[in-house]
Amino acid sequence: IRSKGVHQAREVNRAHVLSCLDRDIPESEIMAVLGIGRTAVW
């Protein structure tokens, strides 16, 4: 989802969030890099 194909931006962002959470990246870094709010991560 993150690397190829045609997906909506929100789907790609959600995939990025899950990937980051899997790698134990702090929520604050995820929010800063992706430009999303804490609620989207939750």
Full PDB file with SEQRES, HELIX, SHEET, SSBOND, CRYST1, ORIGX, SCALE, CONECT and MASTER records, all heavy atoms in Angstrom:
SEQRES   1 A   42  ILE ARG SER LYS GLY VAL HIS GLN ALA ARG GLU VAL ASN          
SEQRES   2 A   42  ARG ALA HIS VAL LEU SER CYS LEU ASP ARG ASP ILE PRO          
SEQRES   3 A   42  GLU SER GLU ILE MET ALA VAL LEU GLY ILE GLY ARG THR          
SEQRES   4 A   42  ALA VAL TRP                                                  
HELIX    1 AA1 ALA A    9  ASP A   22  1                                  14    
HELIX    2 AA2 GLU A   27  LEU A   34  1                                   8    
HELIX    3 AA3 ARG A   38  VAL A   41  1                                   4    
CRYST1    1.000    1.000    1.000  90.00  90.00  90.00 P 1           1          
ORIGX1      1.000000  0.000000  0.000000        0.00000                         
ORIGX2      0.000000  1.000000  0.000000        0.00000                         
ORIGX3      0.000000  0.000000  1.000000        0.00000                         
SCALE1      1.000000  0.000000  0.000000        0.00000                         
SCALE2      0.000000  1.000000  0.000000        0.00000                         
SCALE3      0.000000  0.000000  1.000000        0.00000                         
ATOM      1  N   ILE A   1       0.841  -1.203   0.000  1.00  0.00           N  
ATOM      2  CA  ILE A   1       0.000   0.000   0.000  1.00  0.00           C  
ATOM      3  C   ILE A   1       0.871   1.246   0.000  1.00  0.00           C  
ATOM      4  O   ILE A   1       0.602   2.209  -0.715  1.00  0.00           O  
ATOM      5  CB  ILE A   1      -0.943   0.007   1.218  1.00  0.00           C  
ATOM      6  CG1 ILE A   1      -1.949  -1.135   1.110  1.00  0.00           C  
ATOM      7  CG2 ILE A   1      -1.655   1.354   1.353  1.00  0.00           C  
ATOM      8  CD1 ILE A   1      -2.712  -1.408   2.387  1.00  0.00           C  
ATOM      9  N   ARG A   2       1.932   1.223   0.802  1.00  0.00           N  
ATOM     10  CA  ARG A   2       2.808   2.386   0.930  1.00  0.00           C  
ATOM     11  C   ARG A   2       3.630   2.655  -0.324  1.00  0.00           C  
ATOM     12  O   ARG A   2       3.972   3.804  -0.618  1.00  0.00           O  
ATOM     13  CB  ARG A   2       3.765   2.196   2.106  1.00  0.00           C  
ATOM     14  CG  ARG A   2       3.078   2.202   3.448  1.00  0.00           C  
ATOM     15  CD  ARG A   2       4.021   1.858   4.580  1.00  0.00           C  
ATOM     16  NE  ARG A   2       5.131   2.796   4.599  1.00  0.00           N  
ATOM     17  CZ  ARG A   2       6.333   2.499   5.088  1.00  0.00           C  
ATOM     18  NH1 ARG A   2       6.585   1.321   5.567  1.00  0.00           N  
ATOM     19  NH2 ARG A   2       7.281   3.402   5.087  1.00  0.00           N  
ATOM     20  N   SER A   3       3.948   1.608  -1.089  1.00  0.00           N  
ATOM     21  CA  SER A   3       4.922   1.785  -2.153  1.00  0.00           C  
ATOM     22  C   SER A   3       4.388   1.763  -3.579  1.00  0.00           C  
ATOM     23  O   SER A   3       5.050   2.248  -4.483  1.00  0.00           O  
ATOM     24  CB  SER A   3       6.015   0.727  -2.022  1.00  0.00           C  
ATOM     25  OG  SER A   3       5.467  -0.560  -2.200  1.00  0.00           O  
ATOM     26  N   LYS A   4       3.217   1.176  -3.806  1.00  0.00           N  
ATOM     27  CA  LYS A   4       2.765   1.079  -5.190  1.00  0.00           C  
ATOM     28  C   LYS A   4       1.246   1.051  -5.267  1.00  0.00           C  
ATOM     29  O   LYS A   4       0.557   0.883  -4.271  1.00  0.00           O  
ATOM     30  CB  LYS A   4       3.329  -0.181  -5.850  1.00  0.00           C  
ATOM     31  CG  LYS A   4       2.920  -1.459  -5.162  1.00  0.00           C  
ATOM     32  CD  LYS A   4       3.617  -2.654  -5.773  1.00  0.00           C  
ATOM     33  CE  LYS A   4       3.266  -3.907  -4.984  1.00  0.00           C  
ATOM     34  NZ  LYS A   4       3.956  -5.065  -5.424  1.00  0.00           N  
ATOM     35  N   GLY A   5       0.762   1.193  -6.463  1.00  0.00           N  
ATOM     36  CA  GLY A   5      -0.673   1.150  -6.685  1.00  0.00           C  
ATOM     37  C   GLY A   5      -1.335   2.491  -6.458  1.00  0.00           C  
ATOM     38  O   GLY A   5      -0.705   3.477  -6.083  1.00  0.00           O  
ATOM     39  N   VAL A   6      -2.633   2.519  -6.698  1.00  0.00           N  
ATOM     40  CA  VAL A   6      -3.408   3.735  -6.523  1.00  0.00           C  
ATOM     41  C   VAL A   6      -4.268   3.567  -5.278  1.00  0.00           C  
ATOM     42  O   VAL A   6      -5.138   2.698  -5.228  1.00  0.00           O  
ATOM     43  CB  VAL A   6      -4.304   3.992  -7.763  1.00  0.00           C  
ATOM     44  CG1 VAL A   6      -5.168   5.223  -7.551  1.00  0.00           C  
ATOM     45  CG2 VAL A   6      -3.461   4.134  -9.007  1.00  0.00           C  
ATOM     46  N   HIS A   7      -3.965   4.381  -4.285  1.00  0.00           N  
ATOM     47  CA  HIS A   7      -4.703   4.345  -3.033  1.00  0.00           C  
ATOM     48  C   HIS A   7      -5.022   5.774  -2.618  1.00  0.00           C  
ATOM     49  O   HIS A   7      -4.298   6.703  -2.970  1.00  0.00           O  
ATOM     50  CB  HIS A   7      -3.881   3.673  -1.924  1.00  0.00           C  
ATOM     51  CG  HIS A   7      -3.533   2.258  -2.224  1.00  0.00           C  
ATOM     52  ND1 HIS A   7      -4.416   1.225  -2.085  1.00  0.00           N  
ATOM     53  CD2 HIS A   7      -2.384   1.704  -2.683  1.00  0.00           C  
ATOM     54  CE1 HIS A   7      -3.836   0.090  -2.427  1.00  0.00           C  
ATOM     55  NE2 HIS A   7      -2.599   0.356  -2.807  1.00  0.00           N  
ATOM     56  N   GLN A   8      -6.077   5.927  -1.865  1.00  0.00           N  
ATOM     57  CA  GLN A   8      -6.410   7.256  -1.355  1.00  0.00           C  
ATOM     58  C   GLN A   8      -5.348   7.671  -0.333  1.00  0.00           C  
ATOM     59  O   GLN A   8      -4.740   6.826   0.331  1.00  0.00           O  
ATOM     60  CB  GLN A   8      -7.777   7.222  -0.699  1.00  0.00           C  
ATOM     61  CG  GLN A   8      -8.895   6.948  -1.673  1.00  0.00           C  
ATOM     62  CD  GLN A   8     -10.251   6.937  -1.002  1.00  0.00           C  
ATOM     63  OE1 GLN A   8     -10.392   7.293   0.161  1.00  0.00           O  
ATOM     64  NE2 GLN A   8     -11.257   6.534  -1.750  1.00  0.00           N  
ATOM     65  N   ALA A   9      -5.157   8.974  -0.216  1.00  0.00           N  
ATOM     66  CA  ALA A   9      -4.133   9.498   0.684  1.00  0.00           C  
ATOM     67  C   ALA A   9      -4.354   9.034   2.127  1.00  0.00           C  
ATOM     68  O   ALA A   9      -3.397   8.693   2.819  1.00  0.00           O  
ATOM     69  CB  ALA A   9      -4.106  11.017   0.622  1.00  0.00           C  
ATOM     70  N   ARG A  10      -5.596   8.987   2.560  1.00  0.00           N  
ATOM     71  CA  ARG A  10      -5.846   8.585   3.947  1.00  0.00           C  
ATOM     72  C   ARG A  10      -5.496   7.114   4.170  1.00  0.00           C  
ATOM     73  O   ARG A  10      -5.073   6.733   5.244  1.00  0.00           O  
ATOM     74  CB  ARG A  10      -7.270   8.901   4.362  1.00  0.00           C  
ATOM     75  CG  ARG A  10      -8.335   8.154   3.638  1.00  0.00           C  
ATOM     76  CD  ARG A  10      -9.713   8.518   4.195  1.00  0.00           C  
ATOM     77  NE  ARG A  10     -10.729   8.174   3.224  1.00  0.00           N  
ATOM     78  CZ  ARG A  10     -11.507   9.031   2.606  1.00  0.00           C  
ATOM     79  NH1 ARG A  10     -11.394  10.313   2.858  1.00  0.00           N  
ATOM     80  NH2 ARG A  10     -12.391   8.632   1.742  1.00  0.00           N  
ATOM     81  N   GLU A  11      -5.656   6.283   3.135  1.00  0.00           N  
ATOM     82  CA  GLU A  11      -5.274   4.872   3.252  1.00  0.00           C  
ATOM     83  C   GLU A  11      -3.761   4.735   3.378  1.00  0.00           C  
ATOM     84  O   GLU A  11      -3.258   3.946   4.175  1.00  0.00           O  
ATOM     85  CB  GLU A  11      -5.787   4.085   2.056  1.00  0.00           C  
ATOM     86  CG  GLU A  11      -7.299   3.983   2.009  1.00  0.00           C  
ATOM     87  CD  GLU A  11      -7.824   3.363   0.725  1.00  0.00           C  
ATOM     88  OE1 GLU A  11      -7.031   3.170  -0.226  1.00  0.00           O  
ATOM     89  OE2 GLU A  11      -9.028   3.074   0.674  1.00  0.00           O  
ATOM     90  N   VAL A  12      -3.041   5.513   2.587  1.00  0.00           N  
ATOM     91  CA  VAL A  12      -1.575   5.485   2.648  1.00  0.00           C  
ATOM     92  C   VAL A  12      -1.109   5.985   4.009  1.00  0.00           C  
ATOM     93  O   VAL A  12      -0.209   5.394   4.625  1.00  0.00           O  
ATOM     94  CB  VAL A  12      -0.958   6.313   1.502  1.00  0.00           C  
ATOM     95  CG1 VAL A  12       0.558   6.388   1.651  1.00  0.00           C  
ATOM     96  CG2 VAL A  12      -1.341   5.723   0.159  1.00  0.00           C  
ATOM     97  N   ASN A  13      -1.721   7.060   4.518  1.00  0.00           N  
ATOM     98  CA  ASN A  13      -1.357   7.568   5.841  1.00  0.00           C  
ATOM     99  C   ASN A  13      -1.600   6.531   6.924  1.00  0.00           C  
ATOM    100  O   ASN A  13      -0.772   6.343   7.811  1.00  0.00           O  
ATOM    101  CB  ASN A  13      -2.135   8.848   6.173  1.00  0.00           C  
ATOM    102  CG  ASN A  13      -1.394  10.098   5.805  1.00  0.00           C  
ATOM    103  OD1 ASN A  13      -0.218  10.062   5.468  1.00  0.00           O  
ATOM    104  ND2 ASN A  13      -2.080  11.215   5.859  1.00  0.00           N  
ATOM    105  N   ARG A  14      -2.729   5.848   6.855  1.00  0.00           N  
ATOM    106  CA  ARG A  14      -3.034   4.816   7.849  1.00  0.00           C  
ATOM    107  C   ARG A  14      -2.015   3.681   7.771  1.00  0.00           C  
ATOM    108  O   ARG A  14      -1.599   3.140   8.796  1.00  0.00           O  
ATOM    109  CB  ARG A  14      -4.440   4.277   7.638  1.00  0.00           C  
ATOM    110  CG  ARG A  14      -5.518   5.283   7.961  1.00  0.00           C  
ATOM    111  CD  ARG A  14      -6.872   4.746   7.570  1.00  0.00           C  
ATOM    112  NE  ARG A  14      -7.895   5.782   7.619  1.00  0.00           N  
ATOM    113  CZ  ARG A  14      -9.022   5.732   6.942  1.00  0.00           C  
ATOM    114  NH1 ARG A  14      -9.296   4.696   6.173  1.00  0.00           N  
ATOM    115  NH2 ARG A  14      -9.905   6.711   7.034  1.00  0.00           N  
ATOM    116  N   ALA A  15      -1.612   3.318   6.559  1.00  0.00           N  
ATOM    117  CA  ALA A  15      -0.592   2.284   6.401  1.00  0.00           C  
ATOM    118  C   ALA A  15       0.728   2.740   7.010  1.00  0.00           C  
ATOM    119  O   ALA A  15       1.416   1.962   7.677  1.00  0.00           O  
ATOM    120  CB  ALA A  15      -0.413   1.942   4.920  1.00  0.00           C  
ATOM    121  N   HIS A  16       1.082   4.007   6.796  1.00  0.00           N  
ATOM    122  CA  HIS A  16       2.294   4.565   7.407  1.00  0.00           C  
ATOM    123  C   HIS A  16       2.189   4.509   8.933  1.00  0.00           C  
ATOM    124  O   HIS A  16       3.164   4.154   9.607  1.00  0.00           O  
ATOM    125  CB  HIS A  16       2.514   6.016   6.973  1.00  0.00           C  
ATOM    126  CG  HIS A  16       3.065   6.170   5.600  1.00  0.00           C  
ATOM    127  ND1 HIS A  16       4.225   5.570   5.169  1.00  0.00           N  
ATOM    128  CD2 HIS A  16       2.610   6.877   4.538  1.00  0.00           C  
ATOM    129  CE1 HIS A  16       4.461   5.894   3.915  1.00  0.00           C  
ATOM    130  NE2 HIS A  16       3.488   6.685   3.507  1.00  0.00           N  
ATOM    131  N   VAL A  17       1.037   4.860   9.467  1.00  0.00           N  
ATOM    132  CA  VAL A  17       0.842   4.847  10.926  1.00  0.00           C  
ATOM    133  C   VAL A  17       1.067   3.438  11.468  1.00  0.00           C  
ATOM    134  O   VAL A  17       1.807   3.245  12.440  1.00  0.00           O  
ATOM    135  CB  VAL A  17      -0.563   5.364  11.317  1.00  0.00           C  
ATOM    136  CG1 VAL A  17      -0.860   5.075  12.778  1.00  0.00           C  
ATOM    137  CG2 VAL A  17      -0.680   6.855  11.043  1.00  0.00           C  
ATOM    138  N   LEU A  18       0.444   2.444  10.854  1.00  0.00           N  
ATOM    139  CA  LEU A  18       0.596   1.065  11.332  1.00  0.00           C  
ATOM    140  C   LEU A  18       2.050   0.599  11.234  1.00  0.00           C  
ATOM    141  O   LEU A  18       2.558  -0.052  12.144  1.00  0.00           O  
ATOM    142  CB  LEU A  18      -0.307   0.128  10.545  1.00  0.00           C  
ATOM    143  CG  LEU A  18      -1.805   0.296  10.769  1.00  0.00           C  
ATOM    144  CD1 LEU A  18      -2.576  -0.682   9.888  1.00  0.00           C  
ATOM    145  CD2 LEU A  18      -2.190   0.124  12.219  1.00  0.00           C  
ATOM    146  N   SER A  19       2.708   0.954  10.148  1.00  0.00           N  
ATOM    147  CA  SER A  19       4.105   0.584   9.984  1.00  0.00           C  
ATOM    148  C   SER A  19       4.971   1.221  11.068  1.00  0.00           C  
ATOM    149  O   SER A  19       5.837   0.568  11.656  1.00  0.00           O  
ATOM    150  CB  SER A  19       4.596   1.007   8.602  1.00  0.00           C  
ATOM    151  OG  SER A  19       5.950   0.691   8.435  1.00  0.00           O  
ATOM    152  N   CYS A  20       4.734   2.471  11.348  1.00  0.00           N  
ATOM    153  CA  CYS A  20       5.493   3.170  12.391  1.00  0.00           C  
ATOM    154  C   CYS A  20       5.221   2.586  13.772  1.00  0.00           C  
ATOM    155  O   CYS A  20       6.150   2.403  14.564  1.00  0.00           O  
ATOM    156  CB  CYS A  20       5.159   4.658  12.381  1.00  0.00           C  
ATOM    157  SG  CYS A  20       5.777   5.538  10.940  1.00  0.00           S  
ATOM    158  N   LEU A  21       3.960   2.309  14.063  1.00  0.00           N  
ATOM    159  CA  LEU A  21       3.622   1.719  15.360  1.00  0.00           C  
ATOM    160  C   LEU A  21       4.257   0.343  15.518  1.00  0.00           C  
ATOM    161  O   LEU A  21       4.696  -0.023  16.610  1.00  0.00           O  
ATOM    162  CB  LEU A  21       2.102   1.632  15.527  1.00  0.00           C  
ATOM    163  CG  LEU A  21       1.365   2.956  15.694  1.00  0.00           C  
ATOM    164  CD1 LEU A  21      -0.140   2.724  15.672  1.00  0.00           C  
ATOM    165  CD2 LEU A  21       1.785   3.665  16.977  1.00  0.00           C  
ATOM    166  N   ASP A  22       4.336  -0.404  14.435  1.00  0.00           N  
ATOM    167  CA  ASP A  22       4.966  -1.722  14.465  1.00  0.00           C  
ATOM    168  C   ASP A  22       6.451  -1.610  14.795  1.00  0.00           C  
ATOM    169  O   ASP A  22       7.023  -2.489  15.429  1.00  0.00           O  
ATOM    170  CB  ASP A  22       4.768  -2.416  13.111  1.00  0.00           C  
ATOM    171  CG  ASP A  22       5.341  -3.815  13.080  1.00  0.00           C  
ATOM    172  OD1 ASP A  22       5.058  -4.597  14.019  1.00  0.00           O  
ATOM    173  OD2 ASP A  22       6.048  -4.153  12.112  1.00  0.00           O  
ATOM    174  N   ARG A  23       7.068  -0.508  14.380  1.00  0.00           N  
ATOM    175  CA  ARG A  23       8.494  -0.289  14.637  1.00  0.00           C  
ATOM    176  C   ARG A  23       8.745   0.502  15.916  1.00  0.00           C  
ATOM    177  O   ARG A  23       9.864   0.958  16.155  1.00  0.00           O  
ATOM    178  CB  ARG A  23       9.126   0.425  13.443  1.00  0.00           C  
ATOM    179  CG  ARG A  23       9.171  -0.480  12.216  1.00  0.00           C  
ATOM    180  CD  ARG A  23       9.792   0.201  11.033  1.00  0.00           C  
ATOM    181  NE  ARG A  23       8.820   1.148  10.482  1.00  0.00           N  
ATOM    182  CZ  ARG A  23       9.132   2.262   9.843  1.00  0.00           C  
ATOM    183  NH1 ARG A  23      10.373   2.593   9.665  1.00  0.00           N  
ATOM    184  NH2 ARG A  23       8.185   3.048   9.379  1.00  0.00           N  
ATOM    185  N   ASP A  24       7.702   0.671  16.737  1.00  0.00           N  
ATOM    186  CA  ASP A  24       7.796   1.364  18.038  1.00  0.00           C  
ATOM    187  C   ASP A  24       8.244   2.820  17.928  1.00  0.00           C  
ATOM    188  O   ASP A  24       8.947   3.333  18.799  1.00  0.00           O  
ATOM    189  CB  ASP A  24       8.721   0.616  19.003  1.00  0.00           C  
ATOM    190  CG  ASP A  24       8.157  -0.729  19.397  1.00  0.00           C  
ATOM    191  OD1 ASP A  24       6.923  -0.832  19.526  1.00  0.00           O  
ATOM    192  OD2 ASP A  24       8.945  -1.673  19.589  1.00  0.00           O  
ATOM    193  N   ILE A  25       7.848   3.493  16.862  1.00  0.00           N  
ATOM    194  CA  ILE A  25       8.128   4.923  16.721  1.00  0.00           C  
ATOM    195  C   ILE A  25       7.105   5.671  17.573  1.00  0.00           C  
ATOM    196  O   ILE A  25       5.915   5.372  17.512  1.00  0.00           O  
ATOM    197  CB  ILE A  25       8.057   5.353  15.244  1.00  0.00           C  
ATOM    198  CG1 ILE A  25       9.168   4.635  14.459  1.00  0.00           C  
ATOM    199  CG2 ILE A  25       8.164   6.861  15.102  1.00  0.00           C  
ATOM    200  CD1 ILE A  25       9.135   4.858  12.976  1.00  0.00           C  
ATOM    201  N   PRO A  26       7.541   6.627  18.382  1.00  0.00           N  
ATOM    202  CA  PRO A  26       6.615   7.354  19.261  1.00  0.00           C  
ATOM    203  C   PRO A  26       5.522   8.093  18.482  1.00  0.00           C  
ATOM    204  O   PRO A  26       5.756   8.593  17.376  1.00  0.00           O  
ATOM    205  CB  PRO A  26       7.511   8.353  19.990  1.00  0.00           C  
ATOM    206  CG  PRO A  26       8.891   7.809  19.855  1.00  0.00           C  
ATOM    207  CD  PRO A  26       8.925   7.050  18.562  1.00  0.00           C  
ATOM    208  N   GLU A  27       4.350   8.161  19.085  1.00  0.00           N  
ATOM    209  CA  GLU A  27       3.210   8.839  18.459  1.00  0.00           C  
ATOM    210  C   GLU A  27       3.543  10.266  18.066  1.00  0.00           C  
ATOM    211  O   GLU A  27       3.135  10.736  17.012  1.00  0.00           O  
ATOM    212  CB  GLU A  27       2.015   8.846  19.406  1.00  0.00           C  
ATOM    213  CG  GLU A  27       1.347   7.517  19.580  1.00  0.00           C  
ATOM    214  CD  GLU A  27       0.175   7.582  20.539  1.00  0.00           C  
ATOM    215  OE1 GLU A  27      -0.154   8.682  21.039  1.00  0.00           O  
ATOM    216  OE2 GLU A  27      -0.416   6.527  20.780  1.00  0.00           O  
ATOM    217  N   SER A  28       4.283  10.966  18.914  1.00  0.00           N  
ATOM    218  CA  SER A  28       4.601  12.365  18.631  1.00  0.00           C  
ATOM    219  C   SER A  28       5.396  12.506  17.332  1.00  0.00           C  
ATOM    220  O   SER A  28       5.167  13.438  16.557  1.00  0.00           O  
ATOM    221  CB  SER A  28       5.375  12.985  19.792  1.00  0.00           C  
ATOM    222  OG  SER A  28       6.567  12.256  20.040  1.00  0.00           O  
ATOM    223  N   GLU A  29       6.309  11.578  17.065  1.00  0.00           N  
ATOM    224  CA  GLU A  29       7.079  11.617  15.817  1.00  0.00           C  
ATOM    225  C   GLU A  29       6.193  11.284  14.623  1.00  0.00           C  
ATOM    226  O   GLU A  29       6.313  11.901  13.561  1.00  0.00           O  
ATOM    227  CB  GLU A  29       8.250  10.639  15.878  1.00  0.00           C  
ATOM    228  CG  GLU A  29       9.383  11.103  16.748  1.00  0.00           C  
ATOM    229  CD  GLU A  29      10.562  10.148  16.696  1.00  0.00           C  
ATOM    230  OE1 GLU A  29      10.892   9.661  15.585  1.00  0.00           O  
ATOM    231  OE2 GLU A  29      11.130   9.888  17.757  1.00  0.00           O  
ATOM    232  N   ILE A  30       5.313  10.307  14.783  1.00  0.00           N  
ATOM    233  CA  ILE A  30       4.398   9.932  13.703  1.00  0.00           C  
ATOM    234  C   ILE A  30       3.538  11.133  13.323  1.00  0.00           C  
ATOM    235  O   ILE A  30       3.387  11.458  12.148  1.00  0.00           O  
ATOM    236  CB  ILE A  30       3.504   8.746  14.126  1.00  0.00           C  
ATOM    237  CG1 ILE A  30       4.352   7.499  14.400  1.00  0.00           C  
ATOM    238  CG2 ILE A  30       2.456   8.451  13.049  1.00  0.00           C  
ATOM    239  CD1 ILE A  30       3.592   6.375  15.070  1.00  0.00           C  
ATOM    240  N   MET A  31       2.989  11.800  14.332  1.00  0.00           N  
ATOM    241  CA  MET A  31       2.120  12.954  14.086  1.00  0.00           C  
ATOM    242  C   MET A  31       2.886  14.078  13.398  1.00  0.00           C  
ATOM    243  O   MET A  31       2.371  14.703  12.470  1.00  0.00           O  
ATOM    244  CB  MET A  31       1.521  13.446  15.405  1.00  0.00           C  
ATOM    245  CG  MET A  31       0.562  12.455  16.018  1.00  0.00           C  
ATOM    246  SD  MET A  31      -0.230  13.008  17.543  1.00  0.00           S  
ATOM    247  CE  MET A  31       1.121  13.603  18.525  1.00  0.00           C  
ATOM    248  N   ALA A  32       4.108  14.325  13.838  1.00  0.00           N  
ATOM    249  CA  ALA A  32       4.893  15.420  13.265  1.00  0.00           C  
ATOM    250  C   ALA A  32       5.259  15.150  11.809  1.00  0.00           C  
ATOM    251  O   ALA A  32       5.137  16.026  10.954  1.00  0.00           O  
ATOM    252  CB  ALA A  32       6.158  15.635  14.095  1.00  0.00           C  
ATOM    253  N   VAL A  33       5.688  13.942  11.517  1.00  0.00           N  
ATOM    254  CA  VAL A  33       6.140  13.618  10.157  1.00  0.00           C  
ATOM    255  C   VAL A  33       4.968  13.528   9.186  1.00  0.00           C  
ATOM    256  O   VAL A  33       5.042  14.037   8.066  1.00  0.00           O  
ATOM    257  CB  VAL A  33       6.956  12.301  10.155  1.00  0.00           C  
ATOM    258  CG1 VAL A  33       7.231  11.837   8.745  1.00  0.00           C  
ATOM    259  CG2 VAL A  33       8.254  12.491  10.921  1.00  0.00           C  
ATOM    260  N   LEU A  34       3.882  12.882   9.607  1.00  0.00           N  
ATOM    261  CA  LEU A  34       2.744  12.698   8.708  1.00  0.00           C  
ATOM    262  C   LEU A  34       1.786  13.888   8.698  1.00  0.00           C  
ATOM    263  O   LEU A  34       0.917  13.974   7.834  1.00  0.00           O  
ATOM    264  CB  LEU A  34       1.968  11.426   9.069  1.00  0.00           C  
ATOM    265  CG  LEU A  34       2.712  10.111   8.889  1.00  0.00           C  
ATOM    266  CD1 LEU A  34       1.838   8.943   9.331  1.00  0.00           C  
ATOM    267  CD2 LEU A  34       3.152   9.924   7.449  1.00  0.00           C  
ATOM    268  N   GLY A  35       1.926  14.764   9.664  1.00  0.00           N  
ATOM    269  CA  GLY A  35       1.034  15.927   9.722  1.00  0.00           C  
ATOM    270  C   GLY A  35      -0.388  15.551  10.088  1.00  0.00           C  
ATOM    271  O   GLY A  35      -1.334  16.116   9.541  1.00  0.00           O  
ATOM    272  N   ILE A  36      -0.535  14.582  10.982  1.00  0.00           N  
ATOM    273  CA  ILE A  36      -1.853  14.135  11.415  1.00  0.00           C  
ATOM    274  C   ILE A  36      -1.989  14.343  12.917  1.00  0.00           C  
ATOM    275  O   ILE A  36      -1.001  14.576  13.609  1.00  0.00           O  
ATOM    276  CB  ILE A  36      -2.097  12.645  11.061  1.00  0.00           C  
ATOM    277  CG1 ILE A  36      -1.057  11.753  11.721  1.00  0.00           C  
ATOM    278  CG2 ILE A  36      -2.116  12.456   9.564  1.00  0.00           C  
ATOM    279  CD1 ILE A  36      -1.296  10.272  11.549  1.00  0.00           C  
ATOM    280  N   GLY A  37      -3.210  14.245  13.410  1.00  0.00           N  
ATOM    281  CA  GLY A  37      -3.464  14.421  14.822  1.00  0.00           C  
ATOM    282  C   GLY A  37      -3.391  13.119  15.595  1.00  0.00           C  
ATOM    283  O   GLY A  37      -3.383  12.027  15.027  1.00  0.00           O  
ATOM    284  N   ARG A  38      -3.352  13.246  16.902  1.00  0.00           N  
ATOM    285  CA  ARG A  38      -3.280  12.093  17.790  1.00  0.00           C  
ATOM    286  C   ARG A  38      -4.477  11.160  17.593  1.00  0.00           C  
ATOM    287  O   ARG A  38      -4.344   9.948  17.640  1.00  0.00           O  
ATOM    288  CB  ARG A  38      -3.202  12.566  19.243  1.00  0.00           C  
ATOM    289  CG  ARG A  38      -2.992  11.461  20.238  1.00  0.00           C  
ATOM    290  CD  ARG A  38      -2.754  11.997  21.642  1.00  0.00           C  
ATOM    291  NE  ARG A  38      -1.664  12.947  21.705  1.00  0.00           N  
ATOM    292  CZ  ARG A  38      -0.383  12.615  21.938  1.00  0.00           C  
ATOM    293  NH1 ARG A  38      -0.051  11.371  22.119  1.00  0.00           N  
ATOM    294  NH2 ARG A  38       0.550  13.541  22.000  1.00  0.00           N  
ATOM    295  N   THR A  39      -5.647  11.739  17.331  1.00  0.00           N  
ATOM    296  CA  THR A  39      -6.849  10.937  17.145  1.00  0.00           C  
ATOM    297  C   THR A  39      -6.706   9.994  15.950  1.00  0.00           C  
ATOM    298  O   THR A  39      -7.156   8.849  15.999  1.00  0.00           O  
ATOM    299  CB  THR A  39      -8.080  11.838  16.958  1.00  0.00           C  
ATOM    300  OG1 THR A  39      -8.176  12.716  18.074  1.00  0.00           O  
ATOM    301  CG2 THR A  39      -9.347  11.024  16.857  1.00  0.00           C  
ATOM    302  N   ALA A  40      -6.083  10.446  14.887  1.00  0.00           N  
ATOM    303  CA  ALA A  40      -5.887   9.595  13.703  1.00  0.00           C  
ATOM    304  C   ALA A  40      -5.004   8.393  14.042  1.00  0.00           C  
ATOM    305  O   ALA A  40      -5.258   7.272  13.582  1.00  0.00           O  
ATOM    306  CB  ALA A  40      -5.268  10.403  12.567  1.00  0.00           C  
ATOM    307  N   VAL A  41      -3.990   8.619  14.851  1.00  0.00           N  
ATOM    308  CA  VAL A  41      -3.110   7.528  15.275  1.00  0.00           C  
ATOM    309  C   VAL A  41      -3.892   6.552  16.141  1.00  0.00           C  
ATOM    310  O   VAL A  41      -3.827   5.329  15.953  1.00  0.00           O  
ATOM    311  CB  VAL A  41      -1.875   8.065  16.029  1.00  0.00           C  
ATOM    312  CG1 VAL A  41      -1.019   6.931  16.568  1.00  0.00           C  
ATOM    313  CG2 VAL A  41      -1.051   8.988  15.134  1.00  0.00           C  
ATOM    314  N   TRP A  42      -4.638   7.085  17.104  1.00  0.00           N  
ATOM    315  CA  TRP A  42      -5.424   6.231  18.000  1.00  0.00           C  
ATOM    316  C   TRP A  42      -6.453   5.411  17.231  1.00  0.00           C  
ATOM    317  O   TRP A  42      -6.644   4.233  17.501  1.00  0.00           O  
ATOM    318  CB  TRP A  42      -6.123   7.071  19.048  1.00  0.00           C  
ATOM    319  CG  TRP A  42      -5.215   7.666  20.073  1.00  0.00           C  
ATOM    320  CD1 TRP A  42      -3.889   7.363  20.308  1.00  0.00           C  
ATOM    321  CD2 TRP A  42      -5.539   8.683  21.009  1.00  0.00           C  
ATOM    322  NE1 TRP A  42      -3.391   8.129  21.318  1.00  0.00           N  
ATOM    323  CE2 TRP A  42      -4.376   8.954  21.777  1.00  0.00           C  
ATOM    324  CE3 TRP A  42      -6.697   9.406  21.273  1.00  0.00           C  
ATOM    325  CZ2 TRP A  42      -4.356   9.892  22.789  1.00  0.00           C  
ATOM    326  CZ3 TRP A  42      -6.666  10.345  22.290  1.00  0.00           C  
ATOM    327  CH2 TRP A  42      -5.514  10.588  23.038  1.00  0.00           C  
TER     328      TRP A  42                                                      
MASTER        0    0    0    3    0    0    0    6  327    1    0    4          
END                                                                             
